[in-house]
């Protein structure tokens, strides 16, 4: 792969800070209440969900242009779950894709499947994380 852009961020654990090298991200980190924390900060699952949703939506716009369909009224919500997986922890993702009525049925299904094949986050998670696609 020939890198077009590289992002860098530093964190010191789930109870600390996450800071990007350019200073655009500077966030407190905290365990969510569901995992015993106080929730007074973001967490890796929220950051991953935001990144995946944004990437998938942008990928869908690119795929939509190629397929000659309008995706401007579509939106994507990524739900990232963490749970026990053997001796450690694992992630699972539900991608909720809200499509306009004009993309109902087979056209929307084809768009979402093509997007999932194209999206860099989807490629990175394929075979590693269970990703469920839900069209709404």
N, C-alpha and C. Protein backbone atom coordinates (compact mmCIF):
# COMPACT_ATOMS: atom_id res chain seq x y z
N UNK A 1 0.84 -1.17 0.00
CA UNK A 1 0.00 0.00 0.00
C UNK A 1 0.89 1.25 0.00
N UNK A 2 0.54 2.19 -0.81
CA UNK A 2 1.21 3.50 -0.81
C UNK A 2 0.37 4.45 0.04
N UNK A 3 0.88 4.82 1.20
CA UNK A 3 0.13 5.66 2.13
C UNK A 3 -0.09 7.05 1.54
N UNK A 4 -1.34 7.51 1.61
CA UNK A 4 -1.69 8.87 1.19
C UNK A 4 -1.72 9.81 2.39
N UNK A 5 -1.95 9.25 3.56
CA UNK A 5 -2.06 10.02 4.80
C UNK A 5 -1.82 9.06 5.96
N UNK A 6 -1.18 9.54 7.00
CA UNK A 6 -0.98 8.75 8.22
C UNK A 6 -1.41 9.58 9.41
N UNK A 7 -2.31 9.02 10.20
CA UNK A 7 -2.74 9.66 11.45
C UNK A 7 -1.96 9.04 12.59
N UNK A 8 -1.63 9.84 13.58
CA UNK A 8 -0.94 9.33 14.76
C UNK A 8 -1.59 9.90 16.01
N UNK A 9 -1.80 9.05 16.99
CA UNK A 9 -2.36 9.48 18.26
C UNK A 9 -1.69 8.69 19.37
N UNK A 10 -1.61 9.29 20.54
CA UNK A 10 -1.00 8.67 21.70
C UNK A 10 -2.02 8.62 22.83
N UNK A 11 -2.07 7.48 23.51
CA UNK A 11 -2.95 7.32 24.67
C UNK A 11 -2.18 6.58 25.75
N UNK A 12 -2.64 6.77 26.99
CA UNK A 12 -1.97 6.09 28.09
C UNK A 12 -2.92 5.19 28.86
N UNK A 13 -3.89 4.62 28.18
CA UNK A 13 -4.83 3.68 28.79
C UNK A 13 -6.25 4.21 28.79
N UNK A 14 -7.15 3.39 29.30
CA UNK A 14 -8.57 3.73 29.32
C UNK A 14 -8.91 4.83 30.32
N UNK A 15 -8.03 5.14 31.22
CA UNK A 15 -8.22 6.20 32.21
C UNK A 15 -7.09 7.20 32.01
N UNK A 16 -7.22 8.08 31.08
CA UNK A 16 -6.15 9.03 30.78
C UNK A 16 -6.58 9.99 29.69
N UNK A 17 -5.75 10.13 28.67
CA UNK A 17 -6.03 11.03 27.56
C UNK A 17 -5.65 10.37 26.25
N UNK A 18 -6.30 10.80 25.19
CA UNK A 18 -5.91 10.45 23.83
C UNK A 18 -5.64 11.76 23.11
N UNK A 19 -4.46 11.86 22.50
CA UNK A 19 -4.05 13.10 21.84
C UNK A 19 -3.48 12.76 20.47
N UNK A 20 -3.98 13.44 19.44
CA UNK A 20 -3.44 13.24 18.10
C UNK A 20 -2.19 14.09 17.93
N UNK A 21 -1.34 13.67 17.00
CA UNK A 21 -0.08 14.38 16.80
C UNK A 21 -0.27 15.82 16.34
N UNK A 22 -1.41 16.12 15.69
CA UNK A 22 -1.66 17.49 15.24
C UNK A 22 -2.49 18.30 16.23
N UNK A 23 -2.87 17.68 17.35
CA UNK A 23 -3.64 18.38 18.38
C UNK A 23 -5.13 18.49 18.11
N UNK A 24 -5.62 17.96 16.98
CA UNK A 24 -7.05 18.05 16.67
C UNK A 24 -7.88 17.20 17.62
N UNK A 25 -7.28 16.14 18.14
CA UNK A 25 -7.94 15.32 19.16
C UNK A 25 -7.15 15.47 20.44
N UNK A 26 -7.84 15.82 21.50
CA UNK A 26 -7.25 15.87 22.83
C UNK A 26 -8.40 15.61 23.79
N UNK A 27 -8.60 14.32 24.09
CA UNK A 27 -9.78 13.91 24.82
C UNK A 27 -9.46 13.16 26.10
N UNK A 28 -10.25 13.39 27.14
CA UNK A 28 -10.12 12.54 28.32
C UNK A 28 -10.70 11.16 28.02
N UNK A 29 -10.07 10.14 28.55
CA UNK A 29 -10.54 8.77 28.40
C UNK A 29 -11.03 8.26 29.75
N UNK A 30 -12.10 7.48 29.73
CA UNK A 30 -12.63 6.89 30.96
C UNK A 30 -13.37 5.60 30.62
N UNK A 31 -13.34 4.69 31.55
CA UNK A 31 -14.12 3.46 31.40
C UNK A 31 -15.60 3.83 31.42
N UNK A 32 -16.40 3.20 30.56
CA UNK A 32 -17.84 3.46 30.62
C UNK A 32 -18.44 2.83 31.88
N UNK A 33 -19.54 3.38 32.35
CA UNK A 33 -20.17 2.81 33.55
C UNK A 33 -20.47 1.31 33.43
N UNK A 34 -20.80 0.84 32.24
CA UNK A 34 -21.10 -0.58 32.04
C UNK A 34 -19.89 -1.47 32.34
N UNK A 35 -18.70 -0.88 32.29
CA UNK A 35 -17.48 -1.63 32.60
C UNK A 35 -16.89 -1.21 33.95
N UNK A 36 -17.68 -0.53 34.76
CA UNK A 36 -17.23 -0.17 36.10
C UNK A 36 -16.59 1.20 36.23
N UNK A 37 -16.59 1.99 35.17
CA UNK A 37 -15.98 3.31 35.22
C UNK A 37 -16.97 4.41 35.53
N UNK A 38 -16.46 5.63 35.55
CA UNK A 38 -17.33 6.77 35.83
C UNK A 38 -17.91 7.39 34.56
N UNK A 39 -17.42 7.00 33.39
CA UNK A 39 -17.96 7.50 32.13
C UNK A 39 -17.66 8.95 31.85
N UNK A 40 -16.72 9.56 32.56
CA UNK A 40 -16.43 10.99 32.39
C UNK A 40 -15.33 11.20 31.37
N UNK A 41 -15.47 10.56 30.25
CA UNK A 41 -14.55 10.67 29.14
C UNK A 41 -14.99 9.72 28.05
N UNK A 42 -14.37 9.81 26.92
CA UNK A 42 -14.70 8.88 25.85
C UNK A 42 -13.94 7.58 26.07
N UNK A 43 -14.16 6.63 25.20
CA UNK A 43 -13.48 5.34 25.33
C UNK A 43 -13.15 4.82 23.94
N UNK A 44 -12.28 3.82 23.85
CA UNK A 44 -11.85 3.32 22.54
C UNK A 44 -13.00 2.83 21.66
N UNK A 45 -14.05 2.27 22.27
CA UNK A 45 -15.17 1.77 21.48
C UNK A 45 -15.92 2.93 20.81
N UNK A 46 -16.09 4.04 21.53
CA UNK A 46 -16.75 5.20 20.93
C UNK A 46 -15.90 5.79 19.80
N UNK A 47 -14.60 5.86 20.02
CA UNK A 47 -13.71 6.40 18.99
C UNK A 47 -13.72 5.51 17.75
N UNK A 48 -13.69 4.21 17.95
CA UNK A 48 -13.74 3.27 16.83
C UNK A 48 -15.07 3.38 16.10
N UNK A 49 -16.18 3.48 16.87
CA UNK A 49 -17.50 3.62 16.26
C UNK A 49 -17.59 4.87 15.40
N UNK A 50 -17.08 5.99 15.91
CA UNK A 50 -17.12 7.24 15.16
C UNK A 50 -16.29 7.14 13.88
N UNK A 51 -15.10 6.58 13.99
CA UNK A 51 -14.24 6.43 12.82
C UNK A 51 -14.84 5.50 11.78
N UNK A 52 -15.37 4.37 12.23
CA UNK A 52 -15.95 3.39 11.29
C UNK A 52 -17.18 3.98 10.61
N UNK A 53 -18.06 4.64 11.38
CA UNK A 53 -19.27 5.22 10.78
C UNK A 53 -18.91 6.28 9.74
N UNK A 54 -17.95 7.14 10.06
CA UNK A 54 -17.54 8.19 9.12
C UNK A 54 -16.91 7.59 7.87
N UNK A 55 -16.05 6.60 8.06
CA UNK A 55 -15.39 5.97 6.91
C UNK A 55 -16.41 5.25 6.03
N UNK A 56 -17.33 4.51 6.64
CA UNK A 56 -18.33 3.76 5.88
C UNK A 56 -19.23 4.72 5.10
N UNK A 57 -19.64 5.84 5.73
CA UNK A 57 -20.49 6.81 5.04
C UNK A 57 -19.76 7.44 3.85
N UNK A 58 -18.48 7.75 4.04
CA UNK A 58 -17.70 8.31 2.92
C UNK A 58 -17.50 7.28 1.82
N UNK A 59 -17.25 6.04 2.22
CA UNK A 59 -17.11 4.97 1.22
C UNK A 59 -18.42 4.78 0.46
N UNK A 60 -19.55 4.88 1.17
CA UNK A 60 -20.85 4.72 0.51
C UNK A 60 -21.08 5.84 -0.51
N UNK A 61 -20.64 7.05 -0.20
CA UNK A 61 -20.76 8.15 -1.16
C UNK A 61 -19.93 7.85 -2.41
N UNK A 62 -18.72 7.34 -2.22
CA UNK A 62 -17.87 7.01 -3.37
C UNK A 62 -18.47 5.88 -4.20
N UNK A 63 -18.95 4.84 -3.53
CA UNK A 63 -19.58 3.72 -4.24
C UNK A 63 -20.86 4.18 -4.92
N UNK A 64 -21.61 5.04 -4.24
CA UNK A 64 -22.84 5.57 -4.83
C UNK A 64 -22.58 6.35 -6.11
N UNK A 65 -21.52 7.15 -6.10
CA UNK A 65 -21.17 7.89 -7.33
C UNK A 65 -20.85 6.92 -8.47
N UNK A 66 -20.13 5.87 -8.13
CA UNK A 66 -19.77 4.86 -9.13
C UNK A 66 -21.02 4.14 -9.66
N UNK A 67 -21.97 3.88 -8.76
CA UNK A 67 -23.21 3.18 -9.13
C UNK A 67 -24.27 4.13 -9.68
N UNK A 68 -23.95 5.44 -9.67
CA UNK A 68 -24.88 6.47 -10.14
C UNK A 68 -26.16 6.52 -9.31
N UNK A 69 -25.98 6.44 -7.97
CA UNK A 69 -27.11 6.60 -7.07
C UNK A 69 -26.78 7.70 -6.06
N UNK A 70 -27.81 8.41 -5.63
CA UNK A 70 -27.65 9.54 -4.71
C UNK A 70 -27.67 9.04 -3.26
N UNK A 71 -26.61 9.28 -2.53
CA UNK A 71 -26.51 8.83 -1.13
C UNK A 71 -26.52 9.99 -0.14
N UNK A 72 -26.81 11.21 -0.60
CA UNK A 72 -26.69 12.38 0.28
C UNK A 72 -27.61 12.32 1.49
N UNK A 73 -28.72 11.60 1.43
CA UNK A 73 -29.64 11.51 2.56
C UNK A 73 -29.45 10.24 3.37
N UNK A 74 -28.38 9.52 3.11
CA UNK A 74 -28.08 8.30 3.88
C UNK A 74 -27.27 8.66 5.11
N UNK A 75 -27.36 7.85 6.13
CA UNK A 75 -26.52 8.02 7.31
C UNK A 75 -26.12 6.65 7.86
N UNK A 76 -25.03 6.65 8.60
CA UNK A 76 -24.49 5.40 9.13
C UNK A 76 -24.24 5.55 10.63
N UNK A 77 -24.70 4.59 11.39
CA UNK A 77 -24.42 4.51 12.82
C UNK A 77 -23.69 3.20 13.08
N UNK A 78 -22.52 3.28 13.68
CA UNK A 78 -21.77 2.08 14.05
C UNK A 78 -21.95 1.84 15.54
N UNK A 79 -22.37 0.65 15.88
CA UNK A 79 -22.50 0.24 17.27
C UNK A 79 -21.38 -0.75 17.55
N UNK A 80 -20.43 -0.36 18.38
CA UNK A 80 -19.28 -1.20 18.69
C UNK A 80 -19.45 -1.76 20.10
N UNK A 81 -19.45 -3.07 20.20
CA UNK A 81 -19.58 -3.75 21.49
C UNK A 81 -18.27 -4.41 21.87
N UNK A 82 -17.98 -4.43 23.15
CA UNK A 82 -16.82 -5.14 23.68
C UNK A 82 -17.35 -6.19 24.66
N UNK A 83 -16.72 -7.34 24.63
CA UNK A 83 -17.13 -8.39 25.54
C UNK A 83 -16.04 -9.43 25.70
N UNK A 84 -16.27 -10.34 26.62
CA UNK A 84 -15.32 -11.42 26.85
C UNK A 84 -15.23 -12.30 25.61
N UNK A 85 -14.01 -12.69 25.30
CA UNK A 85 -13.74 -13.56 24.15
C UNK A 85 -12.60 -14.49 24.54
N UNK A 86 -12.94 -15.66 25.03
CA UNK A 86 -11.91 -16.57 25.50
C UNK A 86 -11.24 -16.01 26.73
N UNK A 87 -9.92 -15.93 26.68
CA UNK A 87 -9.15 -15.41 27.81
C UNK A 87 -9.06 -13.90 27.83
N UNK A 88 -9.52 -13.24 26.79
CA UNK A 88 -9.41 -11.78 26.72
C UNK A 88 -10.74 -11.15 26.36
N UNK A 89 -10.65 -10.13 25.52
CA UNK A 89 -11.83 -9.40 25.09
C UNK A 89 -11.88 -9.36 23.57
N UNK A 90 -13.07 -9.16 23.04
CA UNK A 90 -13.25 -9.05 21.59
C UNK A 90 -14.26 -7.96 21.29
N UNK A 91 -14.33 -7.60 20.03
CA UNK A 91 -15.26 -6.58 19.58
C UNK A 91 -16.25 -7.17 18.59
N UNK A 92 -17.41 -6.55 18.51
CA UNK A 92 -18.41 -6.85 17.49
C UNK A 92 -19.01 -5.52 17.06
N UNK A 93 -19.43 -5.45 15.81
CA UNK A 93 -19.96 -4.20 15.26
C UNK A 93 -21.29 -4.46 14.56
N UNK A 94 -22.24 -3.58 14.80
CA UNK A 94 -23.46 -3.53 14.01
C UNK A 94 -23.43 -2.20 13.26
N UNK A 95 -23.44 -2.26 11.94
CA UNK A 95 -23.50 -1.06 11.10
C UNK A 95 -24.96 -0.84 10.72
N UNK A 96 -25.54 0.22 11.22
CA UNK A 96 -26.93 0.57 10.89
C UNK A 96 -26.90 1.65 9.81
N UNK A 97 -27.35 1.27 8.63
CA UNK A 97 -27.32 2.17 7.48
C UNK A 97 -28.75 2.61 7.19
N UNK A 98 -28.98 3.90 7.35
CA UNK A 98 -30.30 4.47 7.06
C UNK A 98 -30.27 5.03 5.65
N UNK A 99 -31.12 4.48 4.81
CA UNK A 99 -31.16 4.88 3.40
C UNK A 99 -32.46 5.60 3.09
N UNK A 100 -32.42 6.51 2.13
CA UNK A 100 -33.67 7.16 1.70
C UNK A 100 -34.56 6.15 0.98
N UNK A 101 -35.84 6.48 0.88
CA UNK A 101 -36.80 5.58 0.22
C UNK A 101 -36.38 5.22 -1.19
N UNK A 102 -35.69 6.13 -1.87
CA UNK A 102 -35.28 5.87 -3.26
C UNK A 102 -34.29 4.70 -3.36
N UNK A 103 -33.68 4.32 -2.21
CA UNK A 103 -32.73 3.20 -2.22
C UNK A 103 -33.26 2.01 -1.44
N UNK A 104 -34.57 1.89 -1.35
CA UNK A 104 -35.16 0.75 -0.65
C UNK A 104 -34.99 -0.52 -1.47
N UNK A 105 -34.96 -1.63 -0.80
CA UNK A 105 -34.93 -2.93 -1.47
C UNK A 105 -33.57 -3.30 -2.02
N UNK A 106 -33.58 -3.92 -3.18
CA UNK A 106 -32.38 -4.50 -3.78
C UNK A 106 -31.31 -3.45 -4.09
N UNK A 107 -31.72 -2.28 -4.53
CA UNK A 107 -30.73 -1.23 -4.85
C UNK A 107 -29.93 -0.85 -3.60
N UNK A 108 -30.60 -0.69 -2.48
CA UNK A 108 -29.92 -0.35 -1.24
C UNK A 108 -29.05 -1.48 -0.74
N UNK A 109 -29.54 -2.70 -0.86
CA UNK A 109 -28.77 -3.87 -0.45
C UNK A 109 -27.47 -3.97 -1.24
N UNK A 110 -27.55 -3.78 -2.53
CA UNK A 110 -26.35 -3.82 -3.38
C UNK A 110 -25.38 -2.71 -3.00
N UNK A 111 -25.89 -1.52 -2.75
CA UNK A 111 -25.05 -0.39 -2.36
C UNK A 111 -24.30 -0.68 -1.06
N UNK A 112 -25.03 -1.17 -0.06
CA UNK A 112 -24.42 -1.42 1.25
C UNK A 112 -23.39 -2.55 1.16
N UNK A 113 -23.70 -3.60 0.44
CA UNK A 113 -22.75 -4.71 0.28
C UNK A 113 -21.50 -4.25 -0.47
N UNK A 114 -21.67 -3.45 -1.51
CA UNK A 114 -20.52 -2.94 -2.26
C UNK A 114 -19.70 -2.00 -1.38
N UNK A 115 -20.37 -1.22 -0.56
CA UNK A 115 -19.66 -0.32 0.36
C UNK A 115 -18.85 -1.13 1.37
N UNK A 116 -19.42 -2.19 1.89
CA UNK A 116 -18.73 -3.03 2.87
C UNK A 116 -17.48 -3.68 2.25
N UNK A 117 -17.54 -3.99 0.97
CA UNK A 117 -16.38 -4.54 0.27
C UNK A 117 -15.31 -3.48 0.03
N UNK A 118 -15.71 -2.21 -0.07
CA UNK A 118 -14.83 -1.09 -0.45
C UNK A 118 -14.21 -0.37 0.75
N UNK A 119 -14.96 -0.24 1.83
CA UNK A 119 -14.57 0.58 2.99
C UNK A 119 -13.29 0.05 3.64
N UNK A 120 -12.28 0.91 3.87
CA UNK A 120 -11.05 0.47 4.52
C UNK A 120 -11.25 -0.12 5.92
N UNK A 121 -12.17 0.43 6.70
CA UNK A 121 -12.44 -0.14 8.03
C UNK A 121 -13.04 -1.54 7.89
N UNK A 122 -13.94 -1.72 6.94
CA UNK A 122 -14.53 -3.04 6.72
C UNK A 122 -13.47 -4.04 6.29
N UNK A 123 -12.56 -3.59 5.44
CA UNK A 123 -11.47 -4.47 5.02
C UNK A 123 -10.59 -4.85 6.21
N UNK A 124 -10.32 -3.88 7.10
CA UNK A 124 -9.45 -4.13 8.26
C UNK A 124 -10.10 -5.09 9.25
N UNK A 125 -11.42 -5.04 9.38
CA UNK A 125 -12.09 -5.88 10.35
C UNK A 125 -12.46 -7.26 9.80
N UNK A 126 -12.50 -7.40 8.50
CA UNK A 126 -12.95 -8.64 7.87
C UNK A 126 -12.15 -9.84 8.39
N UNK A 127 -12.88 -10.82 8.90
CA UNK A 127 -12.24 -12.02 9.42
C UNK A 127 -11.72 -11.87 10.84
N UNK A 128 -11.77 -10.66 11.40
CA UNK A 128 -11.28 -10.41 12.75
C UNK A 128 -12.40 -10.03 13.72
N UNK A 129 -13.37 -9.31 13.24
CA UNK A 129 -14.47 -8.80 14.06
C UNK A 129 -15.78 -9.13 13.34
N UNK A 130 -16.76 -9.61 14.08
CA UNK A 130 -18.07 -9.84 13.51
C UNK A 130 -18.72 -8.50 13.21
N UNK A 131 -19.03 -8.25 11.93
CA UNK A 131 -19.69 -7.02 11.52
C UNK A 131 -21.02 -7.39 10.88
N UNK A 132 -22.10 -6.89 11.47
CA UNK A 132 -23.44 -7.13 10.97
C UNK A 132 -23.94 -5.88 10.29
N UNK A 133 -24.45 -6.01 9.07
CA UNK A 133 -25.00 -4.89 8.32
C UNK A 133 -26.52 -4.89 8.48
N UNK A 134 -27.07 -3.75 8.91
CA UNK A 134 -28.51 -3.60 9.07
C UNK A 134 -28.94 -2.39 8.25
N UNK A 135 -29.86 -2.60 7.33
CA UNK A 135 -30.37 -1.49 6.51
C UNK A 135 -31.71 -1.07 7.08
N UNK A 136 -31.80 0.23 7.36
CA UNK A 136 -33.03 0.76 7.96
C UNK A 136 -33.69 1.76 7.05
